[in-house]
Amino acid sequence: MECTVELFGTLRQLMKTSEVKLKLPPGASLKDLVAALVEREAGLLEGVVDPKTLALSVPYRLYQEGRGFVDDLGRKVERGDRFVLMSVAVGG
């Protein structure tokens, strides 16, 4: 199944793209999604993702379009889901 993660700020610069399309196996969780992002860009382990738990480090959060912020890494990802990975420390 395919899902999309949109990137902002330094994450966009780090991964050199504004969004990433990921192919995940059926039944994949948010933890699998984060693992796939790390596999694609190991630099995410530096300050963005905890290498032991694959949890996002503060201040990074995943926002799921239509649902809001999601923190439960065990939550299942569905085909076509769209997420935004961002730092919530950004403000104006």
PDB file of N, CA and C in Angstrom:
ATOM      1  N   MET A   1       0.845  -1.170   0.000  1.00  0.00           N
ATOM      2  CA  MET A   1       0.000   0.000   0.000  1.00  0.00           C
ATOM      3  C   MET A   1       0.888   1.229   0.000  1.00  0.00           C
ATOM      4  N   GLU A   2       0.355   2.303  -0.532  1.00  0.00           N
ATOM      5  CA  GLU A   2       1.142   3.528  -0.626  1.00  0.00           C
ATOM      6  C   GLU A   2       0.544   4.617   0.250  1.00  0.00           C
ATOM      7  N   CYS A   3       1.430   5.403   0.890  1.00  0.00           N
ATOM      8  CA  CYS A   3       1.018   6.574   1.641  1.00  0.00           C
ATOM      9  C   CYS A   3       2.030   7.682   1.364  1.00  0.00           C
ATOM     10  N   THR A   4       1.698   8.887   1.767  1.00  0.00           N
ATOM     11  CA  THR A   4       2.545  10.039   1.478  1.00  0.00           C
ATOM     12  C   THR A   4       2.872  10.778   2.760  1.00  0.00           C
ATOM     13  N   VAL A   5       4.136  11.226   2.867  1.00  0.00           N
ATOM     14  CA  VAL A   5       4.570  12.059   3.985  1.00  0.00           C
ATOM     15  C   VAL A   5       5.102  13.359   3.397  1.00  0.00           C
ATOM     16  N   GLU A   6       4.451  14.465   3.767  1.00  0.00           N
ATOM     17  CA  GLU A   6       4.897  15.777   3.328  1.00  0.00           C
ATOM     18  C   GLU A   6       5.883  16.320   4.361  1.00  0.00           C
ATOM     19  N   LEU A   7       6.919  17.003   3.892  1.00  0.00           N
ATOM     20  CA  LEU A   7       7.994  17.488   4.758  1.00  0.00           C
ATOM     21  C   LEU A   7       8.059  19.008   4.725  1.00  0.00           C
ATOM     22  N   PHE A   8       8.452  19.597   5.871  1.00  0.00           N
ATOM     23  CA  PHE A   8       8.597  21.041   5.956  1.00  0.00           C
ATOM     24  C   PHE A   8       9.948  21.403   6.552  1.00  0.00           C
ATOM     25  N   GLY A   9      10.374  22.634   6.306  1.00  0.00           N
ATOM     26  CA  GLY A   9      11.562  23.202   6.934  1.00  0.00           C
ATOM     27  C   GLY A   9      12.829  22.405   6.712  1.00  0.00           C
ATOM     28  N   THR A  10      13.558  22.190   7.812  1.00  0.00           N
ATOM     29  CA  THR A  10      14.849  21.498   7.717  1.00  0.00           C
ATOM     30  C   THR A  10      14.688  20.050   7.250  1.00  0.00           C
ATOM     31  N   LEU A  11      13.560  19.445   7.535  1.00  0.00           N
ATOM     32  CA  LEU A  11      13.335  18.069   7.064  1.00  0.00           C
ATOM     33  C   LEU A  11      13.277  18.043   5.539  1.00  0.00           C
ATOM     34  N   ARG A  12      12.654  19.046   4.957  1.00  0.00           N
ATOM     35  CA  ARG A  12      12.577  19.150   3.497  1.00  0.00           C
ATOM     36  C   ARG A  12      13.982  19.312   2.922  1.00  0.00           C
ATOM     37  N   GLN A  13      14.801  20.121   3.578  1.00  0.00           N
ATOM     38  CA  GLN A  13      16.176  20.325   3.122  1.00  0.00           C
ATOM     39  C   GLN A  13      16.999  19.053   3.293  1.00  0.00           C
ATOM     40  N   LEU A  14      16.853  18.391   4.419  1.00  0.00           N
ATOM     41  CA  LEU A  14      17.607  17.171   4.696  1.00  0.00           C
ATOM     42  C   LEU A  14      17.315  16.082   3.669  1.00  0.00           C
ATOM     43  N   MET A  15      16.043  15.889   3.360  1.00  0.00           N
ATOM     44  CA  MET A  15      15.652  14.823   2.449  1.00  0.00           C
ATOM     45  C   MET A  15      15.584  15.272   0.988  1.00  0.00           C
ATOM     46  N   LYS A  16      15.825  16.574   0.770  1.00  0.00           N
ATOM     47  CA  LYS A  16      15.887  17.127  -0.587  1.00  0.00           C
ATOM     48  C   LYS A  16      14.621  16.888  -1.411  1.00  0.00           C
ATOM     49  N   THR A  17      13.487  16.943  -0.740  1.00  0.00           N
ATOM     50  CA  THR A  17      12.193  16.777  -1.402  1.00  0.00           C
ATOM     51  C   THR A  17      11.102  17.343  -0.495  1.00  0.00           C
ATOM     52  N   SER A  18       9.961  17.677  -1.076  1.00  0.00           N
ATOM     53  CA  SER A  18       8.860  18.215  -0.279  1.00  0.00           C
ATOM     54  C   SER A  18       7.906  17.127   0.209  1.00  0.00           C
ATOM     55  N   GLU A  19       7.962  15.966  -0.430  1.00  0.00           N
ATOM     56  CA  GLU A  19       7.134  14.854   0.037  1.00  0.00           C
ATOM     57  C   GLU A  19       7.757  13.533  -0.382  1.00  0.00           C
ATOM     58  N   VAL A  20       7.413  12.510   0.380  1.00  0.00           N
ATOM     59  CA  VAL A  20       7.929  11.168   0.145  1.00  0.00           C
ATOM     60  C   VAL A  20       6.746  10.220   0.021  1.00  0.00           C
ATOM     61  N   LYS A  21       6.723   9.461  -1.031  1.00  0.00           N
ATOM     62  CA  LYS A  21       5.711   8.407  -1.183  1.00  0.00           C
ATOM     63  C   LYS A  21       6.352   7.111  -0.708  1.00  0.00           C
ATOM     64  N   LEU A  22       5.677   6.436   0.207  1.00  0.00           N
ATOM     65  CA  LEU A  22       6.202   5.197   0.781  1.00  0.00           C
ATOM     66  C   LEU A  22       5.295   4.033   0.423  1.00  0.00           C
ATOM     67  N   LYS A  23       5.910   2.919   0.111  1.00  0.00           N
ATOM     68  CA  LYS A  23       5.162   1.674  -0.078  1.00  0.00           C
ATOM     69  C   LYS A  23       5.384   0.834   1.168  1.00  0.00           C
ATOM     70  N   LEU A  24       4.292   0.547   1.848  1.00  0.00           N
ATOM     71  CA  LEU A  24       4.338  -0.220   3.087  1.00  0.00           C
ATOM     72  C   LEU A  24       3.513  -1.484   2.927  1.00  0.00           C
ATOM     73  N   PRO A  25       3.853  -2.524   3.682  1.00  0.00           N
ATOM     74  CA  PRO A  25       3.056  -3.752   3.597  1.00  0.00           C
ATOM     75  C   PRO A  25       1.687  -3.554   4.242  1.00  0.00           C
ATOM     76  N   PRO A  26       0.692  -4.329   3.826  1.00  0.00           N
ATOM     77  CA  PRO A  26      -0.621  -4.251   4.473  1.00  0.00           C
ATOM     78  C   PRO A  26      -0.476  -4.473   5.977  1.00  0.00           C
ATOM     79  N   GLY A  27      -1.219  -3.714   6.754  1.00  0.00           N
ATOM     80  CA  GLY A  27      -1.154  -3.844   8.210  1.00  0.00           C
ATOM     81  C   GLY A  27      -0.022  -3.062   8.839  1.00  0.00           C
ATOM     82  N   ALA A  28       0.696  -2.257   8.042  1.00  0.00           N
ATOM     83  CA  ALA A  28       1.821  -1.482   8.567  1.00  0.00           C
ATOM     84  C   ALA A  28       1.327  -0.446   9.577  1.00  0.00           C
ATOM     85  N   SER A  29       2.200  -0.124  10.514  1.00  0.00           N
ATOM     86  CA  SER A  29       1.883   0.858  11.550  1.00  0.00           C
ATOM     87  C   SER A  29       2.679   2.137  11.305  1.00  0.00           C
ATOM     88  N   LEU A  30       2.402   3.137  12.125  1.00  0.00           N
ATOM     89  CA  LEU A  30       3.181   4.372  12.044  1.00  0.00           C
ATOM     90  C   LEU A  30       4.653   4.113  12.337  1.00  0.00           C
ATOM     91  N   LYS A  31       4.942   3.148  13.195  1.00  0.00           N
ATOM     92  CA  LYS A  31       6.340   2.798  13.468  1.00  0.00           C
ATOM     93  C   LYS A  31       7.005   2.278  12.191  1.00  0.00           C
ATOM     94  N   ASP A  32       6.282   1.496  11.404  1.00  0.00           N
ATOM     95  CA  ASP A  32       6.805   1.016  10.122  1.00  0.00           C
ATOM     96  C   ASP A  32       7.035   2.182   9.165  1.00  0.00           C
ATOM     97  N   LEU A  33       6.128   3.155   9.193  1.00  0.00           N
ATOM     98  CA  LEU A  33       6.269   4.332   8.360  1.00  0.00           C
ATOM     99  C   LEU A  33       7.543   5.098   8.728  1.00  0.00           C
ATOM    100  N   VAL A  34       7.765   5.314  10.026  1.00  0.00           N
ATOM    101  CA  VAL A  34       8.967   6.014  10.483  1.00  0.00           C
ATOM    102  C   VAL A  34      10.215   5.216  10.108  1.00  0.00           C
ATOM    103  N   ALA A  35      10.164   3.901  10.266  1.00  0.00           N
ATOM    104  CA  ALA A  35      11.307   3.056   9.888  1.00  0.00           C
ATOM    105  C   ALA A  35      11.621   3.186   8.402  1.00  0.00           C
ATOM    106  N   ALA A  36      10.583   3.264   7.575  1.00  0.00           N
ATOM    107  CA  ALA A  36      10.787   3.416   6.131  1.00  0.00           C
ATOM    108  C   ALA A  36      11.411   4.774   5.811  1.00  0.00           C
ATOM    109  N   LEU A  37      11.012   5.809   6.540  1.00  0.00           N
ATOM    110  CA  LEU A  37      11.619   7.127   6.338  1.00  0.00           C
ATOM    111  C   LEU A  37      13.096   7.108   6.724  1.00  0.00           C
ATOM    112  N   VAL A  38      13.405   6.468   7.847  1.00  0.00           N
ATOM    113  CA  VAL A  38      14.794   6.373   8.298  1.00  0.00           C
ATOM    114  C   VAL A  38      15.623   5.558   7.309  1.00  0.00           C
ATOM    115  N   GLU A  39      15.038   4.496   6.762  1.00  0.00           N
ATOM    116  CA  GLU A  39      15.744   3.685   5.773  1.00  0.00           C
ATOM    117  C   GLU A  39      16.090   4.528   4.543  1.00  0.00           C
ATOM    118  N   ARG A  40      15.174   5.408   4.205  1.00  0.00           N
ATOM    119  CA  ARG A  40      15.387   6.279   3.036  1.00  0.00           C
ATOM    120  C   ARG A  40      16.405   7.380   3.330  1.00  0.00           C
ATOM    121  N   GLU A  41      16.384   7.907   4.560  1.00  0.00           N
ATOM    122  CA  GLU A  41      17.283   8.998   4.944  1.00  0.00           C
ATOM    123  C   GLU A  41      17.781   8.771   6.368  1.00  0.00           C
ATOM    124  N   ALA A  42      18.945   8.129   6.502  1.00  0.00           N
ATOM    125  CA  ALA A  42      19.502   7.796   7.816  1.00  0.00           C
ATOM    126  C   ALA A  42      19.757   9.037   8.667  1.00  0.00           C
ATOM    127  N   GLY A  43      19.920  10.207   8.033  1.00  0.00           N
ATOM    128  CA  GLY A  43      20.135  11.443   8.774  1.00  0.00           C
ATOM    129  C   GLY A  43      18.996  11.792   9.708  1.00  0.00           C
ATOM    130  N   LEU A  44      17.831  11.199   9.503  1.00  0.00           N
ATOM    131  CA  LEU A  44      16.693  11.454  10.394  1.00  0.00           C
ATOM    132  C   LEU A  44      16.967  10.945  11.805  1.00  0.00           C
ATOM    133  N   LEU A  45      17.926  10.033  11.954  1.00  0.00           N
ATOM    134  CA  LEU A  45      18.248   9.519  13.279  1.00  0.00           C
ATOM    135  C   LEU A  45      18.947  10.574  14.136  1.00  0.00           C
ATOM    136  N   GLU A  46      19.438  11.622  13.495  1.00  0.00           N
ATOM    137  CA  GLU A  46      20.149  12.671  14.225  1.00  0.00           C
ATOM    138  C   GLU A  46      19.184  13.764  14.662  1.00  0.00           C
ATOM    139  N   GLY A  47      18.585  13.600  15.815  1.00  0.00           N
ATOM    140  CA  GLY A  47      17.726  14.621  16.379  1.00  0.00           C
ATOM    141  C   GLY A  47      16.264  14.580  15.987  1.00  0.00           C
ATOM    142  N   VAL A  48      15.890  13.750  15.029  1.00  0.00           N
ATOM    143  CA  VAL A  48      14.500  13.695  14.584  1.00  0.00           C
ATOM    144  C   VAL A  48      13.822  12.424  15.090  1.00  0.00           C
ATOM    145  N   VAL A  49      14.518  11.294  14.985  1.00  0.00           N
ATOM    146  CA  VAL A  49      13.960   9.999  15.373  1.00  0.00           C
ATOM    147  C   VAL A  49      14.875   9.339  16.398  1.00  0.00           C
ATOM    148  N   ASP A  50      14.281   8.817  17.469  1.00  0.00           N
ATOM    149  CA  ASP A  50      15.043   8.074  18.473  1.00  0.00           C
ATOM    150  C   ASP A  50      15.461   6.744  17.854  1.00  0.00           C
ATOM    151  N   PRO A  51      16.769   6.462  17.774  1.00  0.00           N
ATOM    152  CA  PRO A  51      17.221   5.245  17.101  1.00  0.00           C
ATOM    153  C   PRO A  51      16.803   3.943  17.797  1.00  0.00           C
ATOM    154  N   LYS A  52      16.508   3.995  19.092  1.00  0.00           N
ATOM    155  CA  LYS A  52      16.132   2.781  19.828  1.00  0.00           C
ATOM    156  C   LYS A  52      14.653   2.453  19.676  1.00  0.00           C
ATOM    157  N   THR A  53      13.803   3.475  19.726  1.00  0.00           N
ATOM    158  CA  THR A  53      12.363   3.237  19.732  1.00  0.00           C
ATOM    159  C   THR A  53      11.676   3.626  18.422  1.00  0.00           C
ATOM    160  N   LEU A  54      12.385   4.377  17.573  1.00  0.00           N
ATOM    161  CA  LEU A  54      11.845   4.946  16.339  1.00  0.00           C
ATOM    162  C   LEU A  54      10.753   5.977  16.604  1.00  0.00           C
ATOM    163  N   ALA A  55      10.649   6.440  17.859  1.00  0.00           N
ATOM    164  CA  ALA A  55       9.709   7.509  18.186  1.00  0.00           C
ATOM    165  C   ALA A  55      10.288   8.830  17.686  1.00  0.00           C
ATOM    166  N   LEU A  56       9.415   9.747  17.315  1.00  0.00           N
ATOM    167  CA  LEU A  56       9.866  11.071  16.902  1.00  0.00           C
ATOM    168  C   LEU A  56      10.340  11.842  18.123  1.00  0.00           C
ATOM    169  N   SER A  57      11.466  12.521  17.973  1.00  0.00           N
ATOM    170  CA  SER A  57      12.007  13.344  19.047  1.00  0.00           C
ATOM    171  C   SER A  57      11.221  14.655  19.113  1.00  0.00           C
ATOM    172  N   VAL A  58      11.150  15.211  20.314  1.00  0.00           N
ATOM    173  CA  VAL A  58      10.525  16.517  20.486  1.00  0.00           C
ATOM    174  C   VAL A  58      11.410  17.511  19.746  1.00  0.00           C
ATOM    175  N   PRO A  59      10.898  18.372  18.937  1.00  0.00           N
ATOM    176  CA  PRO A  59       9.532  18.850  18.762  1.00  0.00           C
ATOM    177  C   PRO A  59       8.841  18.306  17.516  1.00  0.00           C
ATOM    178  N   TYR A  60       9.279  17.174  16.969  1.00  0.00           N
ATOM    179  CA  TYR A  60       8.713  16.671  15.713  1.00  0.00           C
ATOM    180  C   TYR A  60       7.437  15.889  15.975  1.00  0.00           C
ATOM    181  N   ARG A  61       6.457  16.079  15.061  1.00  0.00           N
ATOM    182  CA  ARG A  61       5.177  15.387  15.181  1.00  0.00           C
ATOM    183  C   ARG A  61       4.677  15.011  13.798  1.00  0.00           C
ATOM    184  N   LEU A  62       3.842  14.000  13.767  1.00  0.00           N
ATOM    185  CA  LEU A  62       3.144  13.612  12.543  1.00  0.00           C
ATOM    186  C   LEU A  62       1.710  14.114  12.622  1.00  0.00           C
ATOM    187  N   TYR A  63       1.286  14.743  11.556  1.00  0.00           N
ATOM    188  CA  TYR A  63      -0.083  15.214  11.442  1.00  0.00           C
ATOM    189  C   TYR A  63      -0.730  14.422  10.314  1.00  0.00           C
ATOM    190  N   GLN A  64      -1.848  13.798  10.590  1.00  0.00           N
ATOM    191  CA  GLN A  64      -2.561  13.054   9.558  1.00  0.00           C
ATOM    192  C   GLN A  64      -3.701  13.903   9.048  1.00  0.00           C
ATOM    193  N   GLU A  65      -3.703  14.132   7.735  1.00  0.00           N
ATOM    194  CA  GLU A  65      -4.761  14.946   7.152  1.00  0.00           C
ATOM    195  C   GLU A  65      -6.119  14.357   7.490  1.00  0.00           C
ATOM    196  N   GLY A  66      -6.985  15.219   7.996  1.00  0.00           N
ATOM    197  CA  GLY A  66      -8.339  14.810   8.334  1.00  0.00           C
ATOM    198  C   GLY A  66      -8.502  14.269   9.741  1.00  0.00           C
ATOM    199  N   ARG A  67      -7.402  14.033  10.456  1.00  0.00           N
ATOM    200  CA  ARG A  67      -7.508  13.457  11.803  1.00  0.00           C
ATOM    201  C   ARG A  67      -6.789  14.266  12.869  1.00  0.00           C
ATOM    202  N   GLY A  68      -5.777  15.007  12.501  1.00  0.00           N
ATOM    203  CA  GLY A  68      -4.991  15.769  13.474  1.00  0.00           C
ATOM    204  C   GLY A  68      -3.678  15.070  13.789  1.00  0.00           C
ATOM    205  N   PHE A  69      -3.040  15.515  14.863  1.00  0.00           N
ATOM    206  CA  PHE A  69      -1.756  14.942  15.247  1.00  0.00           C
ATOM    207  C   PHE A  69      -1.932  13.510  15.728  1.00  0.00           C
ATOM    208  N   VAL A  70      -0.993  12.657  15.349  1.00  0.00           N
ATOM    209  CA  VAL A  70      -1.027  11.255  15.754  1.00  0.00           C
ATOM    210  C   VAL A  70       0.287  10.910  16.445  1.00  0.00           C
ATOM    211  N   ASP A  71       0.181  10.286  17.608  1.00  0.00           N
ATOM    212  CA  ASP A  71       1.362   9.950  18.402  1.00  0.00           C
ATOM    213  C   ASP A  71       1.532   8.455  18.639  1.00  0.00           C
ATOM    214  N   ASP A  72       0.474   7.695  18.477  1.00  0.00           N
ATOM    215  CA  ASP A  72       0.514   6.256  18.742  1.00  0.00           C
ATOM    216  C   ASP A  72       1.190   5.541  17.574  1.00  0.00           C
ATOM    217  N   LEU A  73       2.450   5.120  17.775  1.00  0.00           N
ATOM    218  CA  LEU A  73       3.199   4.452  16.703  1.00  0.00           C
ATOM    219  C   LEU A  73       2.612   3.092  16.337  1.00  0.00           C
ATOM    220  N   GLY A  74       1.722   2.573  17.150  1.00  0.00           N
ATOM    221  CA  GLY A  74       1.076   1.302  16.856  1.00  0.00           C
ATOM    222  C   GLY A  74      -0.137   1.449  15.945  1.00  0.00           C
ATOM    223  N   ARG A  75      -0.562   2.685  15.723  1.00  0.00           N
ATOM    224  CA  ARG A  75      -1.725   2.930  14.870  1.00  0.00           C
ATOM    225  C   ARG A  75      -1.452   2.476  13.455  1.00  0.00           C
ATOM    226  N   LYS A  76      -2.416   1.814  12.866  1.00  0.00           N
ATOM    227  CA  LYS A  76      -2.275   1.277  11.506  1.00  0.00           C
ATOM    228  C   LYS A  76      -2.386   2.387  10.463  1.00  0.00           C
ATOM    229  N   VAL A  77      -1.606   2.233   9.419  1.00  0.00           N
ATOM    230  CA  VAL A  77      -1.641   3.146   8.281  1.00  0.00           C
ATOM    231  C   VAL A  77      -2.534   2.513   7.223  1.00  0.00           C
ATOM    232  N   GLU A  78      -3.354   3.330   6.600  1.00  0.00           N
ATOM    233  CA  GLU A  78      -4.237   2.825   5.552  1.00  0.00           C
ATOM    234  C   GLU A  78      -3.795   3.342   4.193  1.00  0.00           C
ATOM    235  N   ARG A  79      -4.114   2.602   3.164  1.00  0.00           N
ATOM    236  CA  ARG A  79      -3.767   2.992   1.796  1.00  0.00           C
ATOM    237  C   ARG A  79      -4.251   4.420   1.522  1.00  0.00           C
ATOM    238  N   GLY A  80      -3.345   5.219   0.968  1.00  0.00           N
ATOM    239  CA  GLY A  80      -3.697   6.583   0.609  1.00  0.00           C
ATOM    240  C   GLY A  80      -3.584   7.600   1.732  1.00  0.00           C
ATOM    241  N   ASP A  81      -3.273   7.142   2.952  1.00  0.00           N
ATOM    242  CA  ASP A  81      -3.109   8.092   4.053  1.00  0.00           C
ATOM    243  C   ASP A  81      -2.063   9.127   3.678  1.00  0.00           C
ATOM    244  N   ARG A  82      -2.284  10.336   4.153  1.00  0.00           N
ATOM    245  CA  ARG A  82      -1.360  11.435   3.893  1.00  0.00           C
ATOM    246  C   ARG A  82      -0.993  12.059   5.234  1.00  0.00           C
ATOM    247  N   PHE A  83       0.312  12.181   5.476  1.00  0.00           N
ATOM    248  CA  PHE A  83       0.822  12.729   6.727  1.00  0.00           C
ATOM    249  C   PHE A  83       1.711  13.924   6.450  1.00  0.00           C
ATOM    250  N   VAL A  84       1.855  14.770   7.458  1.00  0.00           N
ATOM    251  CA  VAL A  84       2.811  15.872   7.420  1.00  0.00           C
ATOM    252  C   VAL A  84       3.759  15.648   8.578  1.00  0.00           C
ATOM    253  N   LEU A  85       5.054  15.619   8.295  1.00  0.00           N
ATOM    254  CA  LEU A  85       6.075  15.512   9.346  1.00  0.00           C
ATOM    255  C   LEU A  85       6.649  16.906   9.521  1.00  0.00           C
ATOM    256  N   MET A  86       6.505  17.445  10.742  1.00  0.00           N
ATOM    257  CA  MET A  86       6.922  18.821  10.967  1.00  0.00           C
ATOM    258  C   MET A  86       7.434  19.021  12.390  1.00  0.00           C
ATOM    259  N   SER A  87       8.118  20.120  12.555  1.00  0.00           N
ATOM    260  CA  SER A  87       8.528  20.556  13.881  1.00  0.00           C
ATOM    261  C   SER A  87       7.443  21.484  14.392  1.00  0.00           C
ATOM    262  N   VAL A  88       6.913  21.199  15.581  1.00  0.00           N
ATOM    263  CA  VAL A  88       5.879  22.054  16.134  1.00  0.00           C
ATOM    264  C   VAL A  88       6.499  23.248  16.850  1.00  0.00           C
ATOM    265  N   ALA A  89       7.821  23.365  16.841  1.00  0.00           N
ATOM    266  CA  ALA A  89       8.495  24.514  17.442  1.00  0.00           C
ATOM    267  C   ALA A  89       8.508  25.703  16.497  1.00  0.00           C
ATOM    268  N   VAL A  90       8.103  25.480  15.248  1.00  0.00           N
ATOM    269  CA  VAL A  90       8.075  26.571  14.282  1.00  0.00           C
ATOM    270  C   VAL A  90       6.863  27.437  14.561  1.00  0.00           C
ATOM    271  N   GLY A  91       7.058  28.706  14.552  1.00  0.00           N
ATOM    272  CA  GLY A  91       5.930  29.601  14.814  1.00  0.00           C
ATOM    273  C   GLY A  91       6.169  30.959  14.194  1.00  0.00           C
ATOM    274  N   GLY A  92       5.253  31.848  14.437  1.00  0.00           N
ATOM    275  CA  GLY A  92       5.398  33.168  13.843  1.00  0.00           C
ATOM    276  C   GLY A  92       4.959  34.263  14.751  1.00  0.00           C
TER     277      GLY A  92
END
